[in-house]
Amino acid sequence: MKQKLITGFKPSGDIHLGNYLGAMKHLPELEEKYESFIFIPNYHALNSVQDAEKLSHLTMDAGKAILALGLNPDKTIIFKQSDVPEVCELSWILGSLMPMPLLERAHAYKDARDKNRSINAGVFNYPLLMAADILIYKINIVPVGKDQKQHIEIARTIAQKFNNQFGKFFIEPQEIIRKEVETIIGLDGRKMSKSYNNVIGLFESEEETIKKVMSIKTDSRRPEEPKNPEECAIFALHKHFSKNGLDEIANRYKQGKISYKESKDILAENINKELRQIRGNKKEFDKNEDFVKKVLKDGGKKAREIARGTMKEVRKLVGLL
């Protein structure tokens, strides 16, 4: 029997290269190895998107993006989080076992608190709902970026607490973090993030991609000056999109035989080449939203059937039946 894998793409903004390289790119190959659950966490998105029309649009776009990767809905369960309301019930039950200090150490909450941002209860309880998303399907593997590792650790801790209190029931999930994509560098040299406004959109036009690449920050070294590729934000993206010519590009950097302009030209061309098929697929789904809605609806039914079975057992274990 295959192990189970889950990952989600929050509809809180346009999908960018950081999302693509961090998890999305590898999903078709993982589909063959694992029983996969790919979902759109629109409950989570409510923490930051409180506009009904916008959330609905972003949710549909996330569904199109997932399908554009080439995933097979007959093999992978693709669904909206909100079609499985049982996760909210499980989140409440798990919250009764969760010590507040553990939630107070969660990165998202600490970051918002340290920056004096307004913090709603959804932000504070985010790790609980994420744990419910994972545990309710008895998931083994969760591919995440380095910044999400703590959330999987929290989910594992909650599973352990539940199992110790009520008997072994939940699987303790394990994270998969691809070392080569721990941190994707953005246009300004920092981590690529919507909050930094330094992203290249996955489904932007080729012209817009070229424009974004040309805006990547560099130092003032002249073309003939030797450069350290490991200190260059352009080269950081070459590692993902220019693998066939990476050694040659690196040598030209070191020998002062490439300008930043030429490096950007090569990068933009390679990004557009790799994404051309996915972007074309997305345009086809833009024309056929009824198909996307059906995939999400059917996936939601499959996911909810599993979740209902889990919750029937959970209620019995904790004494709610």
Protein backbone atom coordinates (compact mmCIF):
# COMPACT_ATOMS: atom_id res chain seq x y z
CA MET A 1 0.00 0.00 0.00
CA LYS A 2 1.28 3.45 -0.93
CA GLN A 3 2.02 6.00 1.77
CA LYS A 4 -0.15 9.11 1.80
CA LEU A 5 1.11 12.58 0.90
CA ILE A 6 -0.57 15.96 1.30
CA THR A 7 0.27 19.52 0.33
CA GLY A 8 -1.77 22.67 -0.08
CA PHE A 9 -1.60 25.95 -2.00
CA LYS A 10 -3.19 28.81 -0.09
CA PRO A 11 -5.30 31.13 -2.27
CA SER A 12 -4.07 34.34 -0.69
CA GLY A 13 -2.34 35.79 -3.75
CA ASP A 14 -1.00 34.96 -7.18
CA ILE A 15 1.15 31.83 -7.38
CA HIS A 16 4.84 32.55 -7.97
CA LEU A 17 8.08 30.77 -8.79
CA GLY A 18 8.80 30.15 -5.11
CA ASN A 19 5.59 28.09 -4.87
CA TYR A 20 6.38 26.31 -8.12
CA LEU A 21 9.96 25.35 -7.28
CA GLY A 22 9.23 24.63 -3.62
CA ALA A 23 6.56 22.01 -4.18
CA MET A 24 4.42 22.25 -7.30
CA LYS A 25 7.06 21.25 -9.85
CA HIS A 26 7.62 17.85 -8.25
CA LEU A 27 3.98 16.84 -7.71
CA PRO A 28 3.55 14.88 -10.97
CA GLU A 29 6.46 12.58 -10.06
CA LEU A 30 5.23 12.26 -6.46
CA GLU A 31 1.78 11.33 -7.78
CA GLU A 32 3.25 8.06 -9.00
CA LYS A 33 4.93 7.25 -5.69
CA TYR A 34 2.31 8.31 -3.13
CA GLU A 35 -1.44 8.39 -2.64
CA SER A 36 -1.65 12.15 -3.01
CA PHE A 37 -3.99 14.76 -1.56
CA ILE A 38 -3.57 18.24 -3.05
CA PHE A 39 -5.87 20.85 -1.57
CA ILE A 40 -6.67 24.54 -1.60
CA PRO A 41 -6.69 25.78 2.04
CA ASN A 42 -9.31 28.50 1.68
CA TYR A 43 -10.18 28.43 5.41
CA HIS A 44 -6.57 29.43 6.06
CA ALA A 45 -6.78 32.15 3.43
CA LEU A 46 -9.57 33.87 5.38
CA ASN A 47 -6.90 35.12 7.78
CA SER A 48 -5.74 37.57 5.13
CA VAL A 49 -8.33 37.57 2.33
CA GLN A 50 -11.66 38.89 3.59
CA ASP A 51 -13.24 39.75 0.28
CA ALA A 52 -15.66 37.11 -1.01
CA GLU A 53 -15.18 37.79 -4.71
CA LYS A 54 -11.39 37.89 -4.42
CA LEU A 55 -11.21 34.68 -2.39
CA SER A 56 -13.47 32.88 -4.84
CA HIS A 57 -11.31 34.04 -7.77
CA LEU A 58 -8.04 33.07 -6.08
CA THR A 59 -9.44 29.67 -5.13
CA MET A 60 -10.42 28.94 -8.72
CA ASP A 61 -7.01 30.11 -9.94
CA ALA A 62 -5.30 27.77 -7.48
CA GLY A 63 -7.38 24.88 -8.82
CA LYS A 64 -6.40 25.73 -12.39
CA ALA A 65 -2.74 25.99 -11.39
CA ILE A 66 -2.76 22.56 -9.76
CA LEU A 67 -4.34 20.97 -12.83
CA ALA A 68 -2.00 22.86 -15.17
CA LEU A 69 0.89 20.87 -13.70
CA GLY A 70 -0.50 17.81 -15.42
CA LEU A 71 -1.81 15.97 -12.36
CA ASN A 72 -4.35 13.22 -12.92
CA PRO A 73 -7.58 13.68 -10.87
CA ASP A 74 -8.13 9.93 -11.08
CA LYS A 75 -4.87 9.37 -9.19
CA THR A 76 -4.67 12.48 -6.99
CA ILE A 77 -7.47 13.83 -4.80
CA ILE A 78 -7.66 17.54 -5.61
CA PHE A 79 -10.09 19.52 -3.46
CA LYS A 80 -11.02 22.65 -1.53
CA GLN A 81 -10.47 22.66 2.23
CA SER A 82 -13.92 24.14 2.78
CA ASP A 83 -15.53 21.06 1.22
CA VAL A 84 -14.31 19.10 4.26
CA PRO A 85 -15.71 21.01 7.26
CA GLU A 86 -14.74 18.08 9.50
CA VAL A 87 -11.24 19.56 9.66
CA CYS A 88 -12.66 22.42 11.73
CA GLU A 89 -14.21 19.98 14.20
CA LEU A 90 -10.95 18.07 14.49
CA SER A 91 -9.05 21.33 14.94
CA TRP A 92 -11.26 22.15 17.94
CA ILE A 93 -10.70 18.72 19.47
CA LEU A 94 -6.93 18.95 18.94
CA GLY A 95 -6.96 22.44 20.45
CA SER A 96 -8.22 20.97 23.72
CA LEU A 97 -4.95 19.04 23.94
CA MET A 98 -2.65 21.80 22.75
CA PRO A 99 -0.72 23.89 25.31
CA MET A 100 -0.83 27.58 24.44
CA PRO A 101 2.96 28.10 24.83
CA LEU A 102 3.52 25.78 21.87
CA LEU A 103 1.24 27.88 19.68
CA GLU A 104 2.88 31.05 20.96
CA ARG A 105 6.20 29.78 19.60
CA ALA A 106 4.79 29.34 16.07
CA HIS A 107 6.72 31.45 13.55
CA ALA A 108 3.72 33.13 11.89
CA TYR A 109 2.30 34.29 15.21
CA LYS A 110 5.67 35.42 16.57
CA ASP A 111 6.48 37.33 13.39
CA ALA A 112 3.14 39.17 13.46
CA ARG A 113 3.49 39.91 17.18
CA ASP A 114 7.07 41.15 16.88
CA LYS A 115 6.08 43.49 14.05
CA ASN A 116 3.08 44.78 16.03
CA ARG A 117 0.64 43.59 13.40
CA SER A 118 -3.01 43.02 14.15
CA ILE A 119 -3.36 39.33 15.03
CA ASN A 120 -6.65 37.49 14.68
CA ALA A 121 -7.47 34.18 16.32
CA GLY A 122 -7.11 32.43 12.96
CA VAL A 123 -3.43 33.37 12.76
CA PHE A 124 -2.84 32.13 16.30
CA ASN A 125 -4.68 28.85 15.64
CA TYR A 126 -3.22 28.34 12.17
CA PRO A 127 -0.98 25.41 13.25
CA LEU A 128 -4.00 23.62 14.78
CA LEU A 129 -6.02 23.73 11.58
CA MET A 130 -2.96 22.74 9.57
CA ALA A 131 -2.46 19.76 11.89
CA ALA A 132 -6.10 18.78 11.35
CA ASP A 133 -5.61 19.03 7.56
CA ILE A 134 -2.80 16.50 7.83
CA LEU A 135 -3.99 14.14 10.55
CA ILE A 136 -7.57 13.71 9.36
CA TYR A 137 -6.40 11.78 6.26
CA LYS A 138 -3.78 9.77 8.18
CA ILE A 139 -0.99 11.35 6.14
CA ASN A 140 2.58 10.02 6.18
CA ILE A 141 4.48 12.61 4.14
CA VAL A 142 4.19 16.40 3.80
CA PRO A 143 6.47 18.18 1.29
CA VAL A 144 7.15 21.68 2.64
CA GLY A 145 9.60 24.54 2.48
CA LYS A 146 12.04 25.11 5.30
CA ASP A 147 9.80 27.81 6.81
CA GLN A 148 6.94 25.31 7.20
CA LYS A 149 8.95 22.63 9.00
CA GLN A 150 7.83 23.88 12.41
CA HIS A 151 4.17 23.37 11.49
CA ILE A 152 4.80 19.71 10.69
CA GLU A 153 6.64 19.35 13.99
CA ILE A 154 3.60 20.80 15.76
CA ALA A 155 1.30 18.39 13.90
CA ARG A 156 3.55 15.54 14.98
CA THR A 157 3.49 16.73 18.61
CA ILE A 158 -0.32 16.95 18.58
CA ALA A 159 -0.58 13.44 17.10
CA GLN A 160 1.66 12.15 19.87
CA LYS A 161 -0.41 13.90 22.54
CA PHE A 162 -3.65 12.48 21.15
CA ASN A 163 -2.20 8.98 20.88
CA ASN A 164 -0.83 9.11 24.43
CA GLN A 165 -4.16 10.28 25.81
CA PHE A 166 -6.63 8.17 23.83
CA GLY A 167 -4.63 5.30 22.35
CA LYS A 168 -2.57 5.06 19.17
CA PHE A 169 -4.68 6.35 16.32
CA PHE A 170 -3.05 9.13 14.32
CA ILE A 171 0.01 8.69 12.11
CA GLU A 172 2.88 10.99 13.03
CA PRO A 173 3.59 12.86 9.77
CA GLN A 174 7.07 13.46 8.42
CA GLU A 175 8.18 16.44 6.35
CA ILE A 176 10.08 16.31 3.07
CA ILE A 177 12.28 19.36 2.47
CA ARG A 178 14.23 19.46 -0.76
CA LYS A 179 17.59 20.99 0.11
CA GLU A 180 17.96 22.63 -3.28
CA VAL A 181 14.73 24.60 -2.80
CA GLU A 182 14.93 25.45 0.90
CA THR A 183 15.00 29.14 0.00
CA ILE A 184 14.11 30.60 -3.41
CA ILE A 185 15.70 34.01 -3.94
CA GLY A 186 13.49 36.89 -5.07
CA LEU A 187 14.09 39.97 -7.20
CA ASP A 188 15.68 41.90 -4.33
CA GLY A 189 17.97 39.13 -3.07
CA ARG A 190 15.71 38.19 -0.17
CA LYS A 191 13.51 35.11 0.01
CA MET A 192 10.88 35.21 -2.74
CA SER A 193 7.66 36.16 -0.99
CA LYS A 194 4.42 37.95 -1.81
CA SER A 195 4.85 39.96 1.38
CA TYR A 196 8.14 41.39 0.02
CA ASN A 197 6.64 42.09 -3.42
CA ASN A 198 9.71 40.49 -5.00
CA VAL A 199 8.14 37.59 -6.89
CA ILE A 200 7.92 36.39 -10.47
CA GLY A 201 4.40 35.11 -11.08
CA LEU A 202 4.04 31.56 -12.36
CA PHE A 203 1.38 32.57 -14.87
CA GLU A 204 2.62 35.98 -15.91
CA SER A 205 3.17 36.65 -19.59
CA GLU A 206 6.58 36.01 -21.11
CA GLU A 207 6.99 39.75 -21.54
CA GLU A 208 6.24 40.39 -17.88
CA THR A 209 8.64 37.63 -16.88
CA ILE A 210 11.41 39.27 -18.91
CA LYS A 211 10.62 42.62 -17.29
CA LYS A 212 10.75 41.10 -13.79
CA VAL A 213 14.03 39.29 -14.45
CA MET A 214 15.58 42.51 -15.77
CA SER A 215 14.68 44.18 -12.45
CA ILE A 216 16.71 41.73 -10.33
CA LYS A 217 19.08 43.73 -8.16
CA THR A 218 22.82 43.44 -8.85
CA ASP A 219 26.01 45.19 -7.77
CA SER A 220 27.92 47.67 -9.93
CA ARG A 221 30.54 45.29 -11.34
CA ARG A 222 31.31 45.84 -15.01
CA PRO A 223 30.88 43.00 -17.54
CA GLU A 224 34.64 42.33 -17.70
CA GLU A 225 35.04 42.11 -13.92
CA PRO A 226 35.11 38.65 -12.28
CA LYS A 227 32.01 37.94 -10.22
CA ASN A 228 31.13 35.41 -7.52
CA PRO A 229 28.09 33.49 -8.83
CA GLU A 230 27.16 32.40 -5.30
CA GLU A 231 26.57 36.02 -4.34
CA CYS A 232 24.32 36.77 -7.31
CA ALA A 233 20.50 36.66 -7.16
CA ILE A 234 20.38 35.98 -10.90
CA PHE A 235 22.62 32.92 -10.56
CA ALA A 236 20.51 31.67 -7.64
CA LEU A 237 17.63 31.29 -10.12
CA HIS A 238 19.92 29.89 -12.83
CA LYS A 239 20.44 26.93 -10.47
CA HIS A 240 16.80 25.99 -11.04
CA PHE A 241 16.20 26.99 -14.65
CA SER A 242 19.61 26.77 -16.37
CA LYS A 243 20.92 23.44 -15.12
CA ASN A 244 22.18 22.27 -18.51
CA GLY A 245 24.48 25.28 -18.87
CA LEU A 246 25.09 26.05 -15.21
CA ASP A 247 28.80 25.19 -15.11
CA GLU A 248 29.50 27.32 -18.18
CA ILE A 249 27.60 30.29 -16.72
CA ALA A 250 29.44 29.93 -13.41
CA ASN A 251 32.82 29.89 -15.15
CA ARG A 252 31.95 32.95 -17.19
CA TYR A 253 31.00 34.75 -13.96
CA LYS A 254 34.35 33.92 -12.41
CA GLN A 255 36.33 34.87 -15.52
CA GLY A 256 34.54 38.17 -16.12
CA LYS A 257 33.12 36.97 -19.43
CA ILE A 258 29.43 37.68 -18.85
CA SER A 259 27.47 40.81 -18.04
CA TYR A 260 24.53 40.86 -15.68
CA LYS A 261 22.38 41.86 -18.66
CA GLU A 262 23.37 38.76 -20.63
CA SER A 263 22.90 36.59 -17.55
CA LYS A 264 19.39 37.98 -17.15
CA ASP A 265 18.63 37.40 -20.83
CA ILE A 266 19.61 33.73 -20.52
CA LEU A 267 17.62 33.31 -17.31
CA ALA A 268 14.45 34.91 -18.68
CA GLU A 269 14.62 32.73 -21.79
CA ASN A 270 15.04 29.55 -19.73
CA ILE A 271 12.23 30.44 -17.30
CA ASN A 272 9.82 31.12 -20.15
CA LYS A 273 10.87 27.93 -21.94
CA GLU A 274 10.23 25.74 -18.89
CA LEU A 275 6.89 27.34 -18.03
CA ARG A 276 5.47 27.55 -21.55
CA GLN A 277 3.57 24.24 -21.34
CA ILE A 278 2.17 24.91 -17.86
CA ARG A 279 1.11 28.42 -18.83
CA GLY A 280 -0.57 27.04 -21.94
CA ASN A 281 -2.42 24.45 -19.85
CA LYS A 282 -3.62 27.17 -17.50
CA LYS A 283 -5.08 29.16 -20.42
CA GLU A 284 -7.04 26.07 -21.48
CA PHE A 285 -8.49 25.71 -17.97
CA ASP A 286 -9.37 29.42 -18.01
CA LYS A 287 -11.69 28.52 -20.90
CA ASN A 288 -13.13 25.48 -19.10
CA GLU A 289 -13.88 26.47 -15.52
CA ASP A 290 -16.75 23.97 -15.32
CA PHE A 291 -14.23 21.13 -15.59
CA VAL A 292 -12.11 22.64 -12.81
CA LYS A 293 -15.17 23.01 -10.58
CA LYS A 294 -16.13 19.38 -11.22
CA VAL A 295 -12.64 18.13 -10.34
CA LEU A 296 -12.69 20.10 -7.08
CA LYS A 297 -16.23 18.97 -6.24
CA ASP A 298 -15.46 15.30 -6.93
CA GLY A 299 -12.21 15.54 -5.00
CA GLY A 300 -14.02 17.15 -2.09
CA LYS A 301 -16.47 14.26 -1.93
CA LYS A 302 -13.63 11.72 -1.83
CA ALA A 303 -11.71 13.67 0.81
CA ARG A 304 -14.80 14.21 2.95
CA GLU A 305 -15.67 10.52 2.90
CA ILE A 306 -12.25 9.75 4.37
CA ALA A 307 -12.54 12.62 6.88
CA ARG A 308 -15.97 11.44 8.05
CA GLY A 309 -14.58 7.99 8.72
CA THR A 310 -11.72 9.46 10.75
CA MET A 311 -14.04 11.71 12.77
CA LYS A 312 -16.40 8.84 13.57
CA GLU A 313 -13.48 7.10 15.27
CA VAL A 314 -12.16 10.28 16.89
CA ARG A 315 -15.55 11.09 18.45
CA LYS A 316 -15.72 7.60 19.87
CA LEU A 317 -12.17 7.77 21.25
CA VAL A 318 -12.67 11.11 23.02
CA GLY A 319 -16.15 10.28 24.30
CA LEU A 320 -18.34 12.39 22.02
CA LEU A 321 -20.44 9.37 20.95
